[in-house]
Amino acid sequence: MAVRTGNWSTRRLARMALLVALCAVGSFIKIPAITGTPALDAAPGYFAALAFGAGEGALVAGIGHLLSALTVGFPLGAIHLFIAVGMAGCAAAVAGLFRIAGPWAGFAGGVLLNGFAFPALFIVIPGFGPGFFAAMLTPLFVASAINVGLGWLAWLAMSRAGLVRTWTGLLAPSPRRREPEARAELEPGGRPEVGYEAEAQPGGEVQAEPGGKGESDEKTH
């Protein structure tokens, strides 16, 4: 049984620790850029936002960026804290867009936010300007598309398998069928009920057909 303290349980903490570990792995898969920070560190954050909620996804995505920056020695200094907050906001926004407008709108919105709109803020930050934005635009756009896409595909696969939540409307994948059509269920008397009609065969054998329970037409003389 998971121990719960407020909104946090041991199960939730363990899940987030696993996702952060995946961020750490992704942080070493780099997209070439002048800062060395664009990587596949955000995919677990986008997945978490879709599967477990915007808040959880935002936290994972923010930590993911800090881990990626750590691998190259925080080249932008304290600015990475600002970027981590921006990454958290992008993950939360993707979850909202998926829910409101659908998967493709969520994907496109996430790529544009993370790969264009948020980096554009550096144009007005002293010491960066249009040159920095232009140099980072392509690697950030590519990294954003891969990260959002991987998070979406992971959520889609796991939701179809019934392992994480699904949403109604356009967002809901086909639910997993939890019981086969012909699954046998034991009746109170111990006789299995399989939901099939039975037809007596020569020799007293009973063959099931769709529609009811097995019964033999053979009479005892």
C-alpha atoms as a PDB file:
ATOM      1  CA  MET A   1       0.000   0.000   0.000  1.00  0.00           C
ATOM      2  CA  ALA A   2       1.342   3.436  -0.956  1.00  0.00           C
ATOM      3  CA  VAL A   3       1.963   5.863   1.908  1.00  0.00           C
ATOM      4  CA  ARG A   4       0.232   9.196   1.227  1.00  0.00           C
ATOM      5  CA  THR A   5       1.183  12.614   2.573  1.00  0.00           C
ATOM      6  CA  GLY A   6      -1.143  15.279   1.179  1.00  0.00           C
ATOM      7  CA  ASN A   7      -1.117  15.022  -2.610  1.00  0.00           C
ATOM      8  CA  TRP A   8       2.111  13.016  -2.614  1.00  0.00           C
ATOM      9  CA  SER A   9       2.291   9.267  -2.223  1.00  0.00           C
ATOM     10  CA  THR A  10       5.231   6.894  -2.319  1.00  0.00           C
ATOM     11  CA  ARG A  11       3.924   5.552  -5.620  1.00  0.00           C
ATOM     12  CA  ARG A  12       3.773   9.022  -7.147  1.00  0.00           C
ATOM     13  CA  LEU A  13       7.234   9.912  -5.878  1.00  0.00           C
ATOM     14  CA  ALA A  14       8.655   6.665  -7.248  1.00  0.00           C
ATOM     15  CA  ARG A  15       6.997   7.325 -10.603  1.00  0.00           C
ATOM     16  CA  MET A  16       8.417  10.834 -10.784  1.00  0.00           C
ATOM     17  CA  ALA A  17      11.863   9.571  -9.782  1.00  0.00           C
ATOM     18  CA  LEU A  18      11.732   7.117 -12.676  1.00  0.00           C
ATOM     19  CA  LEU A  19      10.679   9.856 -15.097  1.00  0.00           C
ATOM     20  CA  VAL A  20      13.465  12.152 -13.894  1.00  0.00           C
ATOM     21  CA  ALA A  21      15.916   9.283 -14.378  1.00  0.00           C
ATOM     22  CA  LEU A  22      14.698   8.981 -17.966  1.00  0.00           C
ATOM     23  CA  CYS A  23      15.260  12.730 -18.351  1.00  0.00           C
ATOM     24  CA  ALA A  24      18.837  12.205 -17.183  1.00  0.00           C
ATOM     25  CA  VAL A  25      19.339   9.540 -19.844  1.00  0.00           C
ATOM     26  CA  GLY A  26      17.793  11.757 -22.522  1.00  0.00           C
ATOM     27  CA  SER A  27      19.994  14.684 -21.498  1.00  0.00           C
ATOM     28  CA  PHE A  28      22.996  12.872 -22.979  1.00  0.00           C
ATOM     29  CA  ILE A  29      21.295  12.514 -26.373  1.00  0.00           C
ATOM     30  CA  LYS A  30      22.117  15.941 -27.726  1.00  0.00           C
ATOM     31  CA  ILE A  31      20.885  17.979 -30.670  1.00  0.00           C
ATOM     32  CA  PRO A  32      23.966  19.907 -31.876  1.00  0.00           C
ATOM     33  CA  ALA A  33      23.794  23.565 -30.770  1.00  0.00           C
ATOM     34  CA  ILE A  34      26.131  26.325 -29.593  1.00  0.00           C
ATOM     35  CA  THR A  35      25.034  25.930 -25.959  1.00  0.00           C
ATOM     36  CA  GLY A  36      25.083  22.119 -25.912  1.00  0.00           C
ATOM     37  CA  THR A  37      21.843  21.968 -23.955  1.00  0.00           C
ATOM     38  CA  PRO A  38      19.142  20.950 -26.509  1.00  0.00           C
ATOM     39  CA  ALA A  39      18.590  17.228 -25.951  1.00  0.00           C
ATOM     40  CA  LEU A  40      15.906  14.579 -25.494  1.00  0.00           C
ATOM     41  CA  ASP A  41      15.530  15.459 -21.823  1.00  0.00           C
ATOM     42  CA  ALA A  42      11.982  16.833 -22.107  1.00  0.00           C
ATOM     43  CA  ALA A  43      10.183  13.811 -23.605  1.00  0.00           C
ATOM     44  CA  PRO A  44       9.447  12.226 -20.182  1.00  0.00           C
ATOM     45  CA  GLY A  45       8.038  15.578 -19.038  1.00  0.00           C
ATOM     46  CA  TYR A  46       5.626  15.795 -21.955  1.00  0.00           C
ATOM     47  CA  PHE A  47       4.612  12.183 -21.380  1.00  0.00           C
ATOM     48  CA  ALA A  48       4.011  12.864 -17.686  1.00  0.00           C
ATOM     49  CA  ALA A  49       1.913  15.934 -18.504  1.00  0.00           C
ATOM     50  CA  LEU A  50      -0.359  13.873 -20.751  1.00  0.00           C
ATOM     51  CA  ALA A  51      -0.496  10.777 -18.561  1.00  0.00           C
ATOM     52  CA  PHE A  52      -0.492  12.145 -15.010  1.00  0.00           C
ATOM     53  CA  GLY A  53      -1.371  15.828 -15.199  1.00  0.00           C
ATOM     54  CA  ALA A  54       0.079  19.184 -16.155  1.00  0.00           C
ATOM     55  CA  GLY A  55       1.650  19.816 -12.740  1.00  0.00           C
ATOM     56  CA  GLU A  56       3.586  16.576 -12.657  1.00  0.00           C
ATOM     57  CA  GLY A  57       4.674  16.984 -16.264  1.00  0.00           C
ATOM     58  CA  ALA A  58       5.801  20.562 -15.656  1.00  0.00           C
ATOM     59  CA  LEU A  59       7.980  19.528 -12.718  1.00  0.00           C
ATOM     60  CA  VAL A  60       9.595  16.684 -14.647  1.00  0.00           C
ATOM     61  CA  ALA A  61      10.225  18.853 -17.719  1.00  0.00           C
ATOM     62  CA  GLY A  62      11.790  21.625 -15.642  1.00  0.00           C
ATOM     63  CA  ILE A  63      14.133  19.212 -13.869  1.00  0.00           C
ATOM     64  CA  GLY A  64      14.939  17.639 -17.218  1.00  0.00           C
ATOM     65  CA  HIS A  65      16.327  20.903 -18.559  1.00  0.00           C
ATOM     66  CA  LEU A  66      18.460  21.440 -15.466  1.00  0.00           C
ATOM     67  CA  LEU A  67      19.912  17.955 -15.903  1.00  0.00           C
ATOM     68  CA  SER A  68      20.697  18.677 -19.551  1.00  0.00           C
ATOM     69  CA  ALA A  69      22.384  21.963 -18.601  1.00  0.00           C
ATOM     70  CA  LEU A  70      24.336  20.159 -15.884  1.00  0.00           C
ATOM     71  CA  THR A  71      25.912  17.812 -18.437  1.00  0.00           C
ATOM     72  CA  VAL A  72      27.604  20.809 -20.125  1.00  0.00           C
ATOM     73  CA  GLY A  73      28.360  22.856 -17.024  1.00  0.00           C
ATOM     74  CA  PHE A  74      25.470  25.364 -17.068  1.00  0.00           C
ATOM     75  CA  PRO A  75      26.866  27.497 -19.916  1.00  0.00           C
ATOM     76  CA  LEU A  76      24.202  30.190 -19.481  1.00  0.00           C
ATOM     77  CA  GLY A  77      24.498  30.375 -15.703  1.00  0.00           C
ATOM     78  CA  ALA A  78      21.395  31.376 -13.754  1.00  0.00           C
ATOM     79  CA  ILE A  79      19.495  31.815 -17.034  1.00  0.00           C
ATOM     80  CA  HIS A  80      18.957  28.057 -16.961  1.00  0.00           C
ATOM     81  CA  LEU A  81      16.545  28.507 -14.054  1.00  0.00           C
ATOM     82  CA  PHE A  82      14.469  30.783 -16.274  1.00  0.00           C
ATOM     83  CA  ILE A  83      14.643  28.215 -19.088  1.00  0.00           C
ATOM     84  CA  ALA A  84      13.580  25.438 -16.702  1.00  0.00           C
ATOM     85  CA  VAL A  85      10.503  27.441 -15.734  1.00  0.00           C
ATOM     86  CA  GLY A  86       9.773  27.978 -19.426  1.00  0.00           C
ATOM     87  CA  MET A  87      10.086  24.251 -20.122  1.00  0.00           C
ATOM     88  CA  ALA A  88       7.689  23.536 -17.273  1.00  0.00           C
ATOM     89  CA  GLY A  89       5.206  25.979 -18.784  1.00  0.00           C
ATOM     90  CA  CYS A  90       5.535  24.356 -22.215  1.00  0.00           C
ATOM     91  CA  ALA A  91       4.780  20.899 -20.796  1.00  0.00           C
ATOM     92  CA  ALA A  92       1.709  22.206 -18.961  1.00  0.00           C
ATOM     93  CA  ALA A  93       0.550  24.042 -22.101  1.00  0.00           C
ATOM     94  CA  VAL A  94       0.854  20.893 -24.204  1.00  0.00           C
ATOM     95  CA  ALA A  95      -1.348  18.980 -21.764  1.00  0.00           C
ATOM     96  CA  GLY A  96      -3.957  21.744 -21.939  1.00  0.00           C
ATOM     97  CA  LEU A  97      -3.872  21.937 -25.740  1.00  0.00           C
ATOM     98  CA  PHE A  98      -4.195  18.165 -26.058  1.00  0.00           C
ATOM     99  CA  ARG A  99      -7.254  18.219 -23.821  1.00  0.00           C
ATOM    100  CA  ILE A 100      -8.944  21.243 -25.383  1.00  0.00           C
ATOM    101  CA  ALA A 101      -7.999  21.187 -29.054  1.00  0.00           C
ATOM    102  CA  GLY A 102      -6.829  17.657 -29.795  1.00  0.00           C
ATOM    103  CA  PRO A 103      -3.539  15.801 -30.305  1.00  0.00           C
ATOM    104  CA  TRP A 104      -2.318  17.494 -33.478  1.00  0.00           C
ATOM    105  CA  ALA A 105      -3.027  20.954 -32.080  1.00  0.00           C
ATOM    106  CA  GLY A 106      -1.213  19.959 -28.890  1.00  0.00           C
ATOM    107  CA  PHE A 107       1.769  18.696 -30.845  1.00  0.00           C
ATOM    108  CA  ALA A 108       1.965  21.762 -33.076  1.00  0.00           C
ATOM    109  CA  GLY A 109       1.435  24.127 -30.151  1.00  0.00           C
ATOM    110  CA  GLY A 110       4.142  22.441 -28.096  1.00  0.00           C
ATOM    111  CA  VAL A 111       6.670  22.598 -30.923  1.00  0.00           C
ATOM    112  CA  LEU A 112       5.925  26.267 -31.623  1.00  0.00           C
ATOM    113  CA  LEU A 113       6.028  27.248 -27.962  1.00  0.00           C
ATOM    114  CA  ASN A 114       9.197  25.365 -27.107  1.00  0.00           C
ATOM    115  CA  GLY A 115      10.936  25.779 -30.444  1.00  0.00           C
ATOM    116  CA  PHE A 116      10.038  29.347 -31.402  1.00  0.00           C
ATOM    117  CA  ALA A 117       7.954  31.498 -29.037  1.00  0.00           C
ATOM    118  CA  PHE A 118       9.885  30.861 -25.828  1.00  0.00           C
ATOM    119  CA  PRO A 119      13.361  31.169 -27.428  1.00  0.00           C
ATOM    120  CA  ALA A 120      12.221  34.431 -29.060  1.00  0.00           C
ATOM    121  CA  LEU A 121      12.248  36.010 -25.582  1.00  0.00           C
ATOM    122  CA  PHE A 122      16.051  35.938 -25.716  1.00  0.00           C
ATOM    123  CA  ILE A 123      15.943  38.616 -28.408  1.00  0.00           C
ATOM    124  CA  VAL A 124      15.200  41.231 -25.744  1.00  0.00           C
ATOM    125  CA  ILE A 125      17.491  39.813 -23.034  1.00  0.00           C
ATOM    126  CA  PRO A 126      20.765  41.801 -22.816  1.00  0.00           C
ATOM    127  CA  GLY A 127      23.751  39.780 -23.954  1.00  0.00           C
ATOM    128  CA  PHE A 128      21.780  37.486 -26.260  1.00  0.00           C
ATOM    129  CA  GLY A 129      19.774  39.308 -28.940  1.00  0.00           C
ATOM    130  CA  PRO A 130      18.662  38.258 -32.440  1.00  0.00           C
ATOM    131  CA  GLY A 131      21.953  36.519 -33.221  1.00  0.00           C
ATOM    132  CA  PHE A 132      21.576  34.054 -30.360  1.00  0.00           C
ATOM    133  CA  PHE A 133      17.938  33.422 -31.278  1.00  0.00           C
ATOM    134  CA  ALA A 134      18.834  32.733 -34.914  1.00  0.00           C
ATOM    135  CA  ALA A 135      21.642  30.358 -33.923  1.00  0.00           C
ATOM    136  CA  MET A 136      19.410  28.371 -31.550  1.00  0.00           C
ATOM    137  CA  LEU A 137      16.227  28.331 -33.624  1.00  0.00           C
ATOM    138  CA  THR A 138      16.880  25.210 -35.716  1.00  0.00           C
ATOM    139  CA  PRO A 139      18.268  22.949 -32.947  1.00  0.00           C
ATOM    140  CA  LEU A 140      15.523  23.991 -30.528  1.00  0.00           C
ATOM    141  CA  PHE A 141      12.825  23.455 -33.149  1.00  0.00           C
ATOM    142  CA  VAL A 142      14.153  19.974 -33.954  1.00  0.00           C
ATOM    143  CA  ALA A 143      14.559  19.066 -30.273  1.00  0.00           C
ATOM    144  CA  SER A 144      11.037  20.309 -29.511  1.00  0.00           C
ATOM    145  CA  ALA A 145       9.475  18.247 -32.301  1.00  0.00           C
ATOM    146  CA  ILE A 146      11.278  15.096 -31.180  1.00  0.00           C
ATOM    147  CA  ASN A 147      10.539  15.577 -27.477  1.00  0.00           C
ATOM    148  CA  VAL A 148       6.850  16.408 -27.899  1.00  0.00           C
ATOM    149  CA  GLY A 149       6.449  13.623 -30.450  1.00  0.00           C
ATOM    150  CA  LEU A 150       8.099  11.011 -28.232  1.00  0.00           C
ATOM    151  CA  GLY A 151       6.013  12.073 -25.244  1.00  0.00           C
ATOM    152  CA  TRP A 152       2.822  11.861 -27.295  1.00  0.00           C
ATOM    153  CA  LEU A 153       3.676   8.437 -28.763  1.00  0.00           C
ATOM    154  CA  ALA A 154       4.623   7.043 -25.349  1.00  0.00           C
ATOM    155  CA  TRP A 155       1.349   8.285 -23.851  1.00  0.00           C
ATOM    156  CA  LEU A 156      -0.646   6.917 -26.786  1.00  0.00           C
ATOM    157  CA  ALA A 157       0.940   3.468 -26.528  1.00  0.00           C
ATOM    158  CA  MET A 158       0.502   3.215 -22.760  1.00  0.00           C
ATOM    159  CA  SER A 159      -3.053   4.539 -22.799  1.00  0.00           C
ATOM    160  CA  ARG A 160      -4.030   1.985 -25.430  1.00  0.00           C
ATOM    161  CA  ALA A 161      -2.543  -0.674 -23.175  1.00  0.00           C
ATOM    162  CA  GLY A 162      -4.644   0.614 -20.256  1.00  0.00           C
ATOM    163  CA  LEU A 163      -1.591   1.581 -18.195  1.00  0.00           C
ATOM    164  CA  VAL A 164      -2.299   5.321 -17.964  1.00  0.00           C
ATOM    165  CA  ARG A 165      -5.398   7.510 -18.159  1.00  0.00           C
ATOM    166  CA  THR A 166      -7.207   8.230 -21.390  1.00  0.00           C
ATOM    167  CA  TRP A 167      -9.368  11.204 -22.252  1.00  0.00           C
ATOM    168  CA  THR A 168     -12.774  11.385 -23.864  1.00  0.00           C
ATOM    169  CA  GLY A 169     -13.523  12.698 -27.324  1.00  0.00           C
ATOM    170  CA  LEU A 170     -10.739  13.042 -29.843  1.00  0.00           C
ATOM    171  CA  LEU A 171      -8.090  12.403 -27.231  1.00  0.00           C
ATOM    172  CA  ALA A 172      -9.207   8.957 -26.151  1.00  0.00           C
ATOM    173  CA  PRO A 173      -7.540   5.969 -27.813  1.00  0.00           C
ATOM    174  CA  SER A 174      -9.494   2.757 -28.131  1.00  0.00           C
ATOM    175  CA  PRO A 175      -9.704   1.300 -24.617  1.00  0.00           C
ATOM    176  CA  ARG A 176      -8.079  -2.027 -23.973  1.00  0.00           C
ATOM    177  CA  ARG A 177     -10.525  -4.921 -23.810  1.00  0.00           C
ATOM    178  CA  ARG A 178     -10.027  -6.332 -20.376  1.00  0.00           C
ATOM    179  CA  GLU A 179     -12.000  -9.556 -20.899  1.00  0.00           C
ATOM    180  CA  PRO A 180     -12.097 -11.801 -23.962  1.00  0.00           C
ATOM    181  CA  GLU A 181     -15.520 -12.379 -25.481  1.00  0.00           C
ATOM    182  CA  ALA A 182     -15.498 -16.049 -24.574  1.00  0.00           C
ATOM    183  CA  ARG A 183     -13.903 -15.808 -21.143  1.00  0.00           C
ATOM    184  CA  ALA A 184     -15.258 -18.465 -18.812  1.00  0.00           C
ATOM    185  CA  GLU A 185     -16.822 -17.391 -15.524  1.00  0.00           C
ATOM    186  CA  LEU A 186     -17.522 -19.789 -12.716  1.00  0.00           C
ATOM    187  CA  GLU A 187     -21.166 -20.040 -11.626  1.00  0.00           C
ATOM    188  CA  PRO A 188     -22.167 -20.552  -7.974  1.00  0.00           C
ATOM    189  CA  GLY A 189     -22.594 -24.268  -8.577  1.00  0.00           C
ATOM    190  CA  GLY A 190     -19.086 -24.620  -9.875  1.00  0.00           C
ATOM    191  CA  ARG A 191     -20.163 -25.047 -13.500  1.00  0.00           C
ATOM    192  CA  PRO A 192     -18.280 -22.814 -15.922  1.00  0.00           C
ATOM    193  CA  GLU A 193     -20.374 -20.389 -17.919  1.00  0.00           C
ATOM    194  CA  VAL A 194     -18.774 -19.380 -21.185  1.00  0.00           C
ATOM    195  CA  GLY A 195     -21.657 -17.566 -22.864  1.00  0.00           C
ATOM    196  CA  TYR A 196     -22.094 -20.177 -25.592  1.00  0.00           C
ATOM    197  CA  GLU A 197     -24.942 -22.419 -26.687  1.00  0.00           C
ATOM    198  CA  ALA A 198     -24.114 -26.107 -26.790  1.00  0.00           C
ATOM    199  CA  GLU A 199     -25.070 -28.629 -29.335  1.00  0.00           C
ATOM    200  CA  ALA A 200     -25.006 -32.353 -28.682  1.00  0.00           C
ATOM    201  CA  GLN A 201     -22.729 -34.325 -30.964  1.00  0.00           C
ATOM    202  CA  PRO A 202     -22.854 -38.036 -31.667  1.00  0.00           C
ATOM    203  CA  GLY A 203     -21.473 -39.980 -28.760  1.00  0.00           C
ATOM    204  CA  GLY A 204     -22.770 -37.571 -26.107  1.00  0.00           C
ATOM    205  CA  GLU A 205     -20.130 -34.909 -26.579  1.00  0.00           C
ATOM    206  CA  VAL A 206     -21.190 -31.311 -26.189  1.00  0.00           C
ATOM    207  CA  GLN A 207     -19.961 -28.636 -28.617  1.00  0.00           C
ATOM    208  CA  ALA A 208     -20.355 -24.953 -27.739  1.00  0.00           C
ATOM    209  CA  GLU A 209     -22.000 -22.468 -30.059  1.00  0.00           C
ATOM    210  CA  PRO A 210     -22.532 -18.748 -29.455  1.00  0.00           C
ATOM    211  CA  GLY A 211     -25.550 -17.840 -27.375  1.00  0.00           C
ATOM    212  CA  GLY A 212     -25.820 -19.848 -24.206  1.00  0.00           C
ATOM    213  CA  LYS A 213     -24.683 -22.655 -21.883  1.00  0.00           C
ATOM    214  CA  GLY A 214     -23.610 -26.125 -22.781  1.00  0.00           C
ATOM    215  CA  GLU A 215     -26.403 -28.683 -22.595  1.00  0.00           C
ATOM    216  CA  SER A 216     -26.580 -32.195 -24.037  1.00  0.00           C
ATOM    217  CA  ASP A 217     -29.662 -33.388 -25.966  1.00  0.00           C
ATOM    218  CA  GLU A 218     -28.736 -36.986 -25.280  1.00  0.00           C
ATOM    219  CA  LYS A 219     -31.270 -38.683 -23.018  1.00  0.00           C
ATOM    220  CA  THR A 220     -30.550 -41.478 -20.570  1.00  0.00           C
ATOM    221  CA  HIS A 221     -32.455 -44.669 -21.228  1.00  0.00           C
END
